[in-house]
Protein backbone atom coordinates (compact mmCIF):
# COMPACT_ATOMS: atom_id res chain seq x y z
CA MET A 1 21.54 -1.34 -9.57
CA ILE A 2 22.62 -1.86 -5.98
CA LEU A 3 19.23 -2.59 -4.40
CA THR A 4 18.69 -6.13 -3.16
CA ASP A 5 15.03 -6.30 -2.10
CA TRP A 6 12.51 -6.80 -4.92
CA ARG A 7 10.13 -4.27 -3.33
CA TRP A 8 12.68 -1.48 -3.69
CA LYS A 9 13.44 -2.55 -7.26
CA MET A 10 9.76 -2.34 -8.17
CA ALA A 11 9.42 1.05 -6.46
CA GLY A 12 12.44 2.31 -8.40
CA LEU A 13 10.95 1.02 -11.65
CA ALA A 14 7.68 2.81 -10.84
CA VAL A 15 9.61 6.06 -10.26
CA ILE A 16 11.37 5.61 -13.63
CA GLN A 17 7.98 5.18 -15.33
CA LEU A 18 6.73 8.33 -13.58
CA LEU A 19 9.78 10.34 -14.65
CA CYS A 20 9.30 9.23 -18.26
CA PHE A 21 5.63 10.20 -18.04
CA ILE A 22 6.53 13.68 -16.79
CA GLN A 23 9.06 14.17 -19.59
CA ILE A 24 6.70 12.87 -22.31
CA LEU A 25 3.84 14.95 -20.91
CA GLN A 26 5.76 18.09 -21.90
CA ILE A 27 5.59 17.02 -25.56
CA TRP A 28 2.47 14.87 -25.96
CA PRO A 29 -1.17 15.19 -24.89
CA ILE A 30 -2.03 13.75 -21.51
CA ALA A 31 -4.09 10.89 -22.99
CA LEU A 32 -1.18 9.42 -24.95
CA ALA A 33 1.34 9.99 -22.18
CA SER A 34 -0.93 8.37 -19.59
CA VAL A 35 -1.16 5.20 -21.70
CA LYS A 36 2.57 4.74 -21.21
CA LEU A 37 2.35 5.35 -17.47
CA ILE A 38 -0.63 3.06 -16.94
CA SER A 39 0.83 0.21 -19.00
CA GLY A 40 4.14 0.52 -17.14
CA TRP A 41 2.47 0.48 -13.74
CA MET A 42 0.26 -2.46 -14.78
CA GLY A 43 3.37 -4.42 -15.70
CA ILE A 44 5.01 -3.51 -12.40
CA ALA A 45 1.87 -4.56 -10.50
CA LEU A 46 1.79 -7.90 -12.31
CA MET A 47 5.45 -8.61 -11.60
CA SER A 48 5.05 -7.51 -7.98
CA ALA A 49 2.04 -9.77 -7.46
CA THR A 50 3.97 -12.68 -8.89
CA LEU A 51 6.98 -12.01 -6.70
CA ALA A 52 4.85 -11.57 -3.60
CA SER A 53 2.97 -14.82 -4.15
CA SER A 54 5.72 -17.10 -5.43
CA ARG A 55 8.85 -16.20 -3.54
CA GLU A 56 9.81 -16.31 0.04
CA THR A 57 11.08 -13.05 1.44
CA LYS A 58 14.64 -13.90 0.46
CA ILE A 59 17.06 -11.02 0.19
CA SER A 60 20.01 -11.88 -1.99
CA GLU A 61 23.39 -11.31 -0.46
CA THR A 62 25.71 -9.19 -2.58
CA HIS A 63 29.25 -8.38 -1.70
CA THR A 64 30.40 -4.83 -1.17
CA SER A 65 32.83 -5.12 -4.06
CA ALA A 66 29.97 -6.02 -6.43
CA LYS A 67 27.99 -2.98 -5.27
CA VAL A 68 31.02 -0.73 -5.76
CA PHE A 69 31.59 -2.20 -9.24
CA LYS A 70 27.98 -1.56 -10.24
CA LEU A 71 28.12 1.97 -8.88
CA MET A 72 31.38 2.70 -10.70
CA LEU A 73 29.95 1.26 -13.94
CA ALA A 74 26.90 3.49 -13.65
CA THR A 75 29.08 6.52 -12.88
CA PHE A 76 31.33 5.79 -15.86
CA SER A 77 28.34 5.47 -18.18
CA TRP A 78 26.91 8.75 -16.89
CA ILE A 79 30.25 10.48 -17.57
CA VAL A 80 30.38 9.09 -21.12
CA ILE A 81 26.78 10.11 -21.75
CA SER A 82 27.40 13.61 -20.37
CA ALA A 83 30.41 14.02 -22.65
CA SER A 84 28.66 12.79 -25.80
CA VAL A 85 25.06 13.97 -25.44
CA GLU A 86 25.70 17.37 -27.04
CA LYS A 87 27.12 15.77 -30.18
CA LEU A 88 24.22 13.32 -30.31
CA ASN A 89 21.79 16.20 -29.94
CA PHE A 90 22.87 17.47 -33.37
CA TRP A 91 21.76 14.17 -34.94
CA LEU A 92 18.56 13.86 -32.96
CA PRO A 93 16.64 17.15 -32.91
CA ILE A 94 14.90 16.58 -29.57
CA PRO A 95 15.07 18.44 -26.26
CA TYR A 96 18.39 18.02 -24.49
CA THR A 97 16.87 16.78 -21.23
CA ASN A 98 14.84 14.07 -22.97
CA LEU A 99 17.91 12.82 -24.80
CA PHE A 100 20.06 12.88 -21.66
CA ILE A 101 17.52 11.13 -19.44
CA GLY A 102 16.63 8.66 -22.20
CA LEU A 103 20.27 7.70 -22.71
CA ILE A 104 20.79 7.35 -18.95
CA PHE A 105 17.82 4.98 -18.70
CA PHE A 106 18.81 3.13 -21.88
CA PHE A 107 22.36 2.36 -20.78
CA SER A 108 21.36 1.75 -17.17
CA GLY A 109 18.89 -0.85 -18.42
CA ILE A 110 21.57 -2.52 -20.53
CA PHE A 111 23.99 -2.65 -17.61
CA TYR A 112 21.27 -3.81 -15.24
CA PHE A 113 20.05 -6.79 -17.23
CA SER A 114 23.56 -7.77 -18.29
CA GLN A 115 24.51 -8.32 -14.65
CA GLU A 116 21.36 -10.08 -13.45
CA ARG A 117 20.92 -13.83 -13.19
CA GLU A 118 17.26 -14.02 -12.27
CA ILE A 119 14.46 -13.72 -14.80
CA ASN A 120 12.79 -10.94 -12.86
CA GLY A 121 15.99 -8.87 -12.82
CA ILE A 122 16.42 -9.30 -16.56
CA ALA A 123 12.82 -8.15 -17.09
CA ILE A 124 13.41 -5.10 -14.89
CA GLY A 125 16.49 -4.25 -16.95
CA LEU A 126 14.50 -4.62 -20.17
CA LEU A 127 11.77 -2.34 -18.82
CA ILE A 128 14.36 0.30 -17.89
CA LEU A 129 15.94 0.00 -21.35
CA LEU A 130 12.53 0.31 -23.00
CA SER A 131 11.73 3.39 -20.90
CA GLY A 132 14.88 5.09 -22.13
CA PHE A 133 14.22 4.14 -25.74
CA ASP A 134 10.61 5.27 -25.44
CA LEU A 135 11.61 8.64 -24.04
CA ILE A 136 13.94 9.26 -26.97
CA TYR A 137 11.53 7.89 -29.58
CA SER A 138 8.51 9.74 -28.18
CA SER A 139 10.43 12.99 -28.52
CA LEU A 140 10.93 12.26 -32.22
CA GLU A 141 7.57 10.78 -33.18
CA GLY A 142 4.06 11.11 -31.76
CA SER A 143 2.04 8.11 -32.86
CA ALA A 144 -0.99 6.57 -31.16
CA LEU A 145 -0.31 3.21 -32.81
CA VAL A 146 3.28 3.10 -31.57
CA THR A 147 2.05 4.07 -28.10
CA GLY A 148 -0.37 1.14 -28.09
CA ILE A 149 2.29 -1.27 -29.29
CA TYR A 150 4.70 0.04 -26.63
CA GLY A 151 2.09 -0.58 -23.93
CA LEU A 152 1.53 -4.08 -25.30
CA ILE A 153 5.28 -4.80 -25.28
CA ILE A 154 5.61 -3.63 -21.67
CA ILE A 155 2.74 -5.80 -20.51
CA LEU A 156 3.99 -8.80 -22.50
CA VAL A 157 7.48 -8.52 -20.99
CA SER A 158 5.86 -8.46 -17.55
CA ILE A 159 3.61 -11.45 -18.32
CA ILE A 160 6.49 -13.49 -19.72
CA SER A 161 8.63 -12.61 -16.72
CA SER A 162 5.84 -13.64 -14.35
CA TYR A 163 5.25 -16.88 -16.23
CA LEU A 164 8.93 -17.82 -16.31
CA GLN A 165 9.32 -16.88 -12.66
CA GLY A 166 6.70 -19.50 -11.89
CA GLY A 167 4.06 -17.20 -10.50
CA LEU A 168 1.38 -17.91 -13.06
CA SER A 169 -0.38 -21.25 -13.17
CA GLU A 170 -3.54 -22.52 -14.79
CA GLY A 171 -5.70 -21.20 -11.99
CA GLY A 172 -4.05 -17.79 -11.71
CA PHE A 173 -1.43 -16.85 -9.17
CA ASN A 174 0.00 -19.57 -6.92
């Protein structure tokens, strides 16, 4: 939430996809879990290629107070999730770690895209939110069709973000 360079944001999103893959791999077969990882990394590669080709290397200036606010918001959400995850675990019969990590990613994604102004930042927030939702849902249900639709949604969010960012034209990347 406090990173300013798009390269670090994309690397963080790739790490989130890898963490979700590791957690889902404990429940699902490797073929289904790898579909989620590959589709996530394909989306990240598409968004990164668009950002690298269409934007100057501009680093947005954020004030220290904004960074502190974002960090405090994330800390507050982690405290609320830590206090309520045990009660939620009674309703959702899934492993505790998957529920905890899924809720962290879910609410971090909501907070991330609610504070972004750029299309790419909103797409990153949506991808983080979808990773959290997917981690919780994959712990409940193991469906190949839902896995394929999830991969399609991830790639479509990345394509729409790249198109709206201005990186896609009729002849490919600018």
